[in-house]
Amino acid sequence: MQVIDKTETERIQIELKSYKGKEYMDIRIFFKNDEGEWLPTKKGVTVSVHKLNDFLEAFKKEQPAAAET
């Protein structure tokens, strides 16, 4: 699992998961509750491992535009 902190109470978790025998990448926003536990939100995306290369290529294509901002 990889974690990217957004704020003190919000982060993005990237994790390889399996469901019904199929592998996928889950990229989800988590928040820290009052007890200090990290809980998932509904905000996120699930990508089939078969589509990961397409997903990464799309990020690479958008990276130059993001660098300009």
C-alpha atoms as a PDB file:
ATOM      1  CA  MET A   1       0.000   0.000   0.000  1.00  0.00           C
ATOM      2  CA  GLN A   2       1.138   3.506  -0.831  1.00  0.00           C
ATOM      3  CA  VAL A   3      -0.055   6.629   0.966  1.00  0.00           C
ATOM      4  CA  ILE A   4      -0.063  10.240  -0.216  1.00  0.00           C
ATOM      5  CA  ASP A   5      -0.955  12.761   2.480  1.00  0.00           C
ATOM      6  CA  LYS A   6      -3.286  15.555   1.374  1.00  0.00           C
ATOM      7  CA  THR A   7      -3.852  17.211   4.775  1.00  0.00           C
ATOM      8  CA  GLU A   8      -3.497  16.189   8.423  1.00  0.00           C
ATOM      9  CA  THR A   9      -6.909  14.515   8.277  1.00  0.00           C
ATOM     10  CA  GLU A  10      -7.097  13.345   4.662  1.00  0.00           C
ATOM     11  CA  ARG A  11      -4.937  11.095   2.509  1.00  0.00           C
ATOM     12  CA  ILE A  12      -4.956   9.036  -0.671  1.00  0.00           C
ATOM     13  CA  GLN A  13      -4.338   5.311  -0.303  1.00  0.00           C
ATOM     14  CA  ILE A  14      -3.285   3.220  -3.287  1.00  0.00           C
ATOM     15  CA  GLU A  15      -3.607  -0.505  -2.774  1.00  0.00           C
ATOM     16  CA  LEU A  16      -3.668  -3.687  -4.840  1.00  0.00           C
ATOM     17  CA  LYS A  17      -6.780  -5.681  -3.938  1.00  0.00           C
ATOM     18  CA  SER A  18      -8.584  -8.812  -5.006  1.00  0.00           C
ATOM     19  CA  TYR A  19     -12.333  -9.337  -5.376  1.00  0.00           C
ATOM     20  CA  LYS A  20     -14.004 -12.502  -6.630  1.00  0.00           C
ATOM     21  CA  GLY A  21     -10.663 -13.739  -7.919  1.00  0.00           C
ATOM     22  CA  LYS A  22      -9.861 -10.594  -9.903  1.00  0.00           C
ATOM     23  CA  GLU A  23      -7.007  -8.198  -9.135  1.00  0.00           C
ATOM     24  CA  TYR A  24      -7.501  -4.448  -9.177  1.00  0.00           C
ATOM     25  CA  MET A  25      -5.894  -1.234  -7.962  1.00  0.00           C
ATOM     26  CA  ASP A  26      -7.951   0.809  -5.511  1.00  0.00           C
ATOM     27  CA  ILE A  27      -7.142   4.539  -5.288  1.00  0.00           C
ATOM     28  CA  ARG A  28      -9.235   6.033  -2.517  1.00  0.00           C
ATOM     29  CA  ILE A  29      -9.500   9.077  -0.255  1.00  0.00           C
ATOM     30  CA  PHE A  30      -9.353   8.243   3.461  1.00  0.00           C
ATOM     31  CA  PHE A  31     -10.133  10.527   6.390  1.00  0.00           C
ATOM     32  CA  LYS A  32      -9.041  10.452  10.013  1.00  0.00           C
ATOM     33  CA  ASN A  33     -11.963  10.226  12.425  1.00  0.00           C
ATOM     34  CA  ASP A  34     -12.100  11.656  15.967  1.00  0.00           C
ATOM     35  CA  GLU A  35     -10.526   8.463  17.362  1.00  0.00           C
ATOM     36  CA  GLY A  36      -7.548   8.792  15.001  1.00  0.00           C
ATOM     37  CA  GLU A  37      -8.558   5.895  12.738  1.00  0.00           C
ATOM     38  CA  TRP A  38      -8.214   6.187   8.955  1.00  0.00           C
ATOM     39  CA  LEU A  39     -11.492   5.337   7.244  1.00  0.00           C
ATOM     40  CA  PRO A  40     -12.309   5.126   3.520  1.00  0.00           C
ATOM     41  CA  THR A  41     -14.649   7.549   1.795  1.00  0.00           C
ATOM     42  CA  LYS A  42     -16.742   6.877  -1.303  1.00  0.00           C
ATOM     43  CA  LYS A  43     -14.343   9.098  -3.245  1.00  0.00           C
ATOM     44  CA  GLY A  44     -12.003   6.974  -5.296  1.00  0.00           C
ATOM     45  CA  VAL A  45     -11.507   4.831  -8.341  1.00  0.00           C
ATOM     46  CA  THR A  46     -10.955   1.129  -8.932  1.00  0.00           C
ATOM     47  CA  VAL A  47      -8.831   0.116 -11.920  1.00  0.00           C
ATOM     48  CA  SER A  48      -8.451  -3.402 -13.284  1.00  0.00           C
ATOM     49  CA  VAL A  49      -4.816  -4.504 -13.316  1.00  0.00           C
ATOM     50  CA  HIS A  50      -5.318  -5.085 -17.046  1.00  0.00           C
ATOM     51  CA  LYS A  51      -5.955  -1.337 -17.467  1.00  0.00           C
ATOM     52  CA  LEU A  52      -3.113  -0.067 -15.249  1.00  0.00           C
ATOM     53  CA  ASN A  53      -0.800   0.678 -18.177  1.00  0.00           C
ATOM     54  CA  ASP A  54      -3.549   2.725 -19.866  1.00  0.00           C
ATOM     55  CA  PHE A  55      -4.128   4.561 -16.593  1.00  0.00           C
ATOM     56  CA  LEU A  56      -0.409   5.312 -16.174  1.00  0.00           C
ATOM     57  CA  GLU A  57      -0.080   6.489 -19.785  1.00  0.00           C
ATOM     58  CA  ALA A  58      -2.987   8.888 -19.266  1.00  0.00           C
ATOM     59  CA  PHE A  59      -1.229  10.326 -16.197  1.00  0.00           C
ATOM     60  CA  LYS A  60       2.004  10.756 -18.153  1.00  0.00           C
ATOM     61  CA  LYS A  61       0.181  12.596 -20.940  1.00  0.00           C
ATOM     62  CA  GLU A  62      -1.447  14.999 -18.461  1.00  0.00           C
ATOM     63  CA  GLN A  63       1.704  15.597 -16.413  1.00  0.00           C
ATOM     64  CA  PRO A  64       3.112  18.398 -18.639  1.00  0.00           C
ATOM     65  CA  ALA A  65      -0.148  20.363 -18.344  1.00  0.00           C
ATOM     66  CA  ALA A  66      -0.108  19.947 -14.580  1.00  0.00           C
ATOM     67  CA  ALA A  67       3.479  21.204 -14.425  1.00  0.00           C
ATOM     68  CA  GLU A  68       2.409  24.446 -16.136  1.00  0.00           C
ATOM     69  CA  THR A  69       0.010  25.378 -13.326  1.00  0.00           C
END
